[in-house]
N, C-alpha and C. Protein backbone atom coordinates (compact mmCIF):
# COMPACT_ATOMS: atom_id res chain seq x y z
N UNK A 1 -16.50 12.96 17.27
CA UNK A 1 -16.46 13.92 16.34
C UNK A 1 -17.63 14.01 15.84
N UNK A 2 -18.10 15.60 15.76
CA UNK A 2 -19.58 16.24 15.28
C UNK A 2 -19.68 15.58 13.43
N UNK A 3 -20.52 15.40 13.06
CA UNK A 3 -20.54 14.60 10.91
C UNK A 3 -19.84 15.48 10.70
N UNK A 4 -19.61 16.86 10.95
CA UNK A 4 -19.24 17.91 9.80
C UNK A 4 -17.72 17.68 9.47
N UNK A 5 -17.30 17.72 11.18
CA UNK A 5 -15.40 17.38 11.05
C UNK A 5 -15.30 16.06 10.38
N UNK A 6 -15.66 14.71 10.75
CA UNK A 6 -15.19 13.42 9.86
C UNK A 6 -15.57 14.44 8.35
N UNK A 7 -16.35 13.96 7.98
CA UNK A 7 -16.43 14.68 6.20
C UNK A 7 -15.21 15.15 6.07
N UNK A 8 -15.18 16.56 6.83
CA UNK A 8 -14.34 17.55 6.05
C UNK A 8 -12.39 16.36 6.07
N UNK A 9 -12.10 15.56 6.90
CA UNK A 9 -11.50 14.35 7.69
C UNK A 9 -11.27 13.42 6.32
N UNK A 10 -12.82 13.09 6.00
CA UNK A 10 -12.58 12.45 5.06
C UNK A 10 -11.98 12.58 3.46
N UNK A 11 -13.08 14.32 3.88
CA UNK A 11 -12.53 14.57 2.03
C UNK A 11 -10.96 15.20 2.07
N UNK A 12 -10.48 15.17 2.74
CA UNK A 12 -9.24 15.71 3.21
C UNK A 12 -8.50 14.16 3.10
N UNK A 13 -8.50 13.32 3.59
CA UNK A 13 -8.00 11.82 3.19
C UNK A 13 -8.02 11.70 1.80
N UNK A 14 -9.62 11.58 1.21
CA UNK A 14 -9.78 10.66 -0.32
C UNK A 14 -8.98 12.14 -0.93
N UNK A 15 -8.75 13.50 -0.69
CA UNK A 15 -7.48 14.22 -0.92
C UNK A 15 -6.30 13.80 -1.74
N UNK A 16 -5.40 13.93 -0.20
CA UNK A 16 -4.45 13.09 -0.08
C UNK A 16 -4.31 11.80 -1.04
N UNK A 17 -5.18 10.76 -1.38
CA UNK A 17 -5.16 9.70 -1.14
C UNK A 17 -4.87 10.18 -3.04
N UNK A 18 -5.82 10.67 -3.62
CA UNK A 18 -5.97 10.95 -5.32
C UNK A 18 -4.43 11.93 -5.05
N UNK A 19 -4.45 12.91 -4.24
CA UNK A 19 -2.72 13.63 -4.55
C UNK A 19 -1.85 13.08 -5.06
N UNK A 20 -1.95 11.36 -4.17
CA UNK A 20 -0.77 10.62 -4.32
C UNK A 20 -0.91 9.99 -4.96
N UNK A 21 -1.99 9.26 -5.41
CA UNK A 21 -2.53 9.16 -6.93
C UNK A 21 -1.49 9.51 -8.20
N UNK A 22 -2.74 10.36 -8.07
CA UNK A 22 -2.16 11.79 -9.73
C UNK A 22 -0.57 12.34 -9.80
N UNK A 23 0.53 12.10 -8.31
CA UNK A 23 1.62 12.45 -8.29
C UNK A 23 2.56 11.13 -8.34
N UNK A 24 1.93 9.75 -8.26
CA UNK A 24 2.09 8.63 -8.89
C UNK A 24 2.16 8.46 -10.39
N UNK A 25 1.95 9.48 -11.64
CA UNK A 25 1.75 9.77 -12.72
C UNK A 25 2.97 9.34 -13.12
N UNK A 26 3.49 8.64 -13.74
CA UNK A 26 4.49 9.03 -15.46
C UNK A 26 4.27 10.38 -15.97
N UNK A 27 5.25 10.66 -15.90
CA UNK A 27 4.82 11.84 -16.86
C UNK A 27 3.93 11.29 -18.80
N UNK A 28 3.98 10.11 -19.12
CA UNK A 28 2.89 10.28 -20.25
C UNK A 28 1.13 9.34 -20.10
N UNK A 29 1.78 8.94 -18.55
CA UNK A 29 0.07 9.19 -17.65
C UNK A 29 -0.28 9.88 -18.20
N UNK A 30 0.22 11.06 -17.56
CA UNK A 30 -0.41 12.33 -17.06
C UNK A 30 -0.93 12.73 -18.24
N UNK A 31 -0.46 12.89 -19.55
CA UNK A 31 -0.41 12.76 -20.76
C UNK A 31 -1.83 12.30 -21.77
N UNK A 32 -1.69 11.27 -21.16
CA UNK A 32 -3.16 10.58 -21.25
C UNK A 32 -4.03 10.72 -20.59
N UNK A 33 -3.72 10.78 -19.07
CA UNK A 33 -4.82 12.06 -18.81
C UNK A 33 -5.86 12.85 -19.29
N UNK A 34 -4.99 13.37 -19.23
CA UNK A 34 -4.98 15.62 -19.96
C UNK A 34 -5.51 15.63 -20.81
N UNK A 35 -5.18 14.23 -21.73
CA UNK A 35 -6.12 14.43 -22.95
C UNK A 35 -7.70 12.96 -22.92
N UNK A 36 -7.23 11.59 -21.46
CA UNK A 36 -8.57 11.62 -21.51
C UNK A 36 -10.07 12.86 -21.11
N UNK A 37 -9.50 13.29 -20.26
CA UNK A 37 -9.53 14.64 -19.37
C UNK A 37 -10.81 15.72 -20.87
N UNK A 38 -9.91 15.75 -22.33
CA UNK A 38 -10.61 16.52 -22.61
C UNK A 38 -11.66 16.05 -23.36
N UNK A 39 -11.97 14.07 -23.51
CA UNK A 39 -12.51 13.99 -24.05
C UNK A 39 -12.31 13.33 -25.13
N UNK A 40 -10.91 12.70 -24.90
CA UNK A 40 -10.61 11.96 -26.99
C UNK A 40 -11.05 10.64 -26.23
N UNK A 41 -11.17 9.63 -27.21
CA UNK A 41 -10.84 8.65 -27.55
C UNK A 41 -9.56 7.70 -27.74
N UNK A 42 -9.35 6.60 -26.86
CA UNK A 42 -7.71 5.91 -26.93
C UNK A 42 -7.21 6.54 -28.15
N UNK A 43 -8.00 5.70 -29.13
CA UNK A 43 -7.93 5.52 -30.69
C UNK A 43 -7.20 7.49 -31.27
N UNK A 44 -7.86 8.06 -30.74
CA UNK A 44 -7.32 9.96 -31.45
C UNK A 44 -5.83 9.83 -30.26
N UNK A 45 -6.15 8.80 -29.06
CA UNK A 45 -4.83 9.72 -28.10
C UNK A 45 -3.24 8.32 -28.42
N UNK A 46 -3.73 7.32 -28.87
CA UNK A 46 -2.63 6.67 -29.26
C UNK A 46 -2.06 7.21 -31.01
N UNK A 47 -2.97 8.06 -31.56
CA UNK A 47 -2.53 8.61 -33.06
C UNK A 47 -1.65 9.83 -33.25
N UNK A 48 -2.40 10.34 -31.58
CA UNK A 48 -1.45 12.12 -31.22
C UNK A 48 -0.14 11.80 -30.37
N UNK A 49 -0.09 10.28 -29.92
CA UNK A 49 0.98 10.15 -28.91
C UNK A 49 1.95 9.08 -29.82
N UNK A 50 1.78 9.14 -31.19
CA UNK A 50 2.39 7.88 -32.14
C UNK A 50 2.53 6.68 -31.35
N UNK A 51 1.75 6.44 -30.85
CA UNK A 51 2.31 4.92 -30.02
C UNK A 51 0.58 4.27 -30.83
N UNK A 52 0.62 2.66 -30.09
CA UNK A 52 -0.46 2.15 -30.44
C UNK A 52 -1.89 2.48 -29.34
N UNK A 53 -2.84 1.50 -29.94
CA UNK A 53 -4.18 1.78 -29.15
C UNK A 53 -3.64 1.08 -27.43
N UNK A 54 -3.21 -0.06 -28.12
CA UNK A 54 -2.89 -0.73 -26.73
C UNK A 54 -2.53 -0.47 -25.66
N UNK A 55 -0.89 0.23 -26.54
CA UNK A 55 -0.60 1.09 -25.25
C UNK A 55 -1.64 2.81 -24.43
N UNK A 56 -2.06 2.66 -25.74
CA UNK A 56 -3.29 3.59 -24.43
C UNK A 56 -3.74 3.23 -23.67
N UNK A 57 -4.52 1.61 -24.05
CA UNK A 57 -5.36 1.24 -22.73
C UNK A 57 -4.48 0.71 -21.75
N UNK A 58 -3.57 0.24 -21.81
CA UNK A 58 -2.28 0.09 -20.63
C UNK A 58 -2.59 1.47 -19.83
N UNK A 59 -1.78 2.62 -20.19
CA UNK A 59 -2.11 3.33 -19.71
C UNK A 59 -3.38 3.89 -18.69
N UNK A 60 -4.08 4.47 -19.86
CA UNK A 60 -5.69 4.04 -19.06
C UNK A 60 -6.08 3.47 -17.68
N UNK A 61 -5.13 2.29 -17.95
CA UNK A 61 -6.07 0.70 -16.73
C UNK A 61 -5.21 1.06 -15.55
N UNK A 62 -3.03 1.40 -15.92
CA UNK A 62 -3.18 1.95 -14.50
C UNK A 62 -3.33 3.14 -14.52
N UNK A 63 -3.63 4.69 -14.99
CA UNK A 63 -3.51 4.98 -14.64
C UNK A 63 -5.09 5.40 -13.15
N UNK A 64 -5.40 4.25 -14.15
CA UNK A 64 -7.42 4.50 -13.45
C UNK A 64 -6.78 3.35 -11.83
N UNK A 65 -6.71 2.69 -12.06
CA UNK A 65 -5.75 2.16 -10.46
C UNK A 65 -5.02 3.08 -9.96
N UNK A 66 -4.17 3.95 -11.11
CA UNK A 66 -3.62 4.91 -8.86
C UNK A 66 -3.92 5.90 -8.34
N UNK A 67 -5.46 6.05 -9.48
CA UNK A 67 -6.63 6.83 -8.86
C UNK A 67 -7.82 6.69 -8.34
N UNK A 68 -7.58 4.76 -8.10
CA UNK A 68 -8.66 4.94 -7.50
C UNK A 68 -10.43 4.67 -8.50
N UNK A 69 -10.30 5.08 -9.79
CA UNK A 69 -11.64 5.21 -10.30
C UNK A 69 -11.09 4.65 -11.20
N UNK A 70 -12.95 4.06 -11.93
CA UNK A 70 -13.14 3.11 -12.41
C UNK A 70 -13.93 3.68 -14.16
N UNK A 71 -13.87 4.45 -14.33
CA UNK A 71 -14.63 5.44 -15.70
C UNK A 71 -13.44 6.77 -16.36
N UNK A 72 -13.20 7.29 -17.12
CA UNK A 72 -13.18 8.28 -17.71
C UNK A 72 -13.29 9.18 -16.76
N UNK A 73 -14.94 9.22 -17.00
CA UNK A 73 -15.49 10.80 -16.04
C UNK A 73 -15.07 9.95 -14.47
N UNK A 74 -15.07 9.74 -13.99
CA UNK A 74 -14.76 10.01 -12.81
C UNK A 74 -13.17 10.36 -12.61
N UNK A 75 -12.43 9.58 -13.56
CA UNK A 75 -10.80 10.75 -13.95
C UNK A 75 -11.19 12.09 -14.39
N UNK A 76 -12.10 12.17 -14.60
CA UNK A 76 -11.81 13.60 -15.42
C UNK A 76 -12.25 14.46 -14.01
N UNK A 77 -13.61 13.79 -13.49
CA UNK A 77 -14.21 14.70 -12.37
C UNK A 77 -12.51 15.09 -11.10
N UNK A 78 -12.06 13.43 -10.75
CA UNK A 78 -11.06 13.45 -9.66
C UNK A 78 -9.84 14.61 -10.25
N UNK A 79 -10.02 14.94 -11.41
CA UNK A 79 -8.19 15.60 -11.58
C UNK A 79 -9.29 17.11 -11.73
N UNK A 80 -10.08 17.56 -12.21
CA UNK A 80 -10.82 18.81 -12.34
C UNK A 80 -11.15 19.63 -10.50
N UNK A 81 -11.51 18.30 -9.48
CA UNK A 81 -11.54 18.63 -8.30
C UNK A 81 -10.07 18.54 -7.79
N UNK A 82 -9.28 18.03 -7.66
CA UNK A 82 -7.58 18.67 -7.30
C UNK A 82 -7.30 19.69 -7.92
N UNK A 83 -7.35 19.90 -9.38
CA UNK A 83 -7.16 21.38 -9.30
C UNK A 83 -8.17 22.41 -8.76
N UNK A 84 -9.01 22.06 -7.96
CA UNK A 84 -9.71 23.55 -7.26
C UNK A 84 -9.36 23.85 -6.32
N UNK A 85 -8.63 21.93 -5.94
CA UNK A 85 -8.31 22.71 -4.43
C UNK A 85 -6.93 23.29 -4.94
N UNK A 86 -6.46 22.94 -5.98
CA UNK A 86 -4.79 23.12 -5.30
C UNK A 86 -5.12 24.55 -5.92
N UNK A 87 -6.06 25.40 -6.10
CA UNK A 87 -6.09 26.65 -7.40
C UNK A 87 -6.40 28.14 -6.12
N UNK A 88 -7.03 26.68 -4.55
CA UNK A 88 -7.56 27.84 -3.92
C UNK A 88 -7.12 27.46 -2.53
């Protein structure tokens, strides 16, 4: 395949994998992800959701694993990219 086609295929595969990861999040994990993307700290999220900070850390770890990311920034960028794909 020409390089451009391979890039489109890999981007499409990445988007599908990320979308599947996002779909596998529980409602609470999705709320936590949204708050992470808003820049809130674990302590702030815990306070807002009336749970312990350890619970939020567990959610964040599970979210990162499901989305295949390692940082809060990567998670936020991934969510932003998926939102832009779904809105176009």
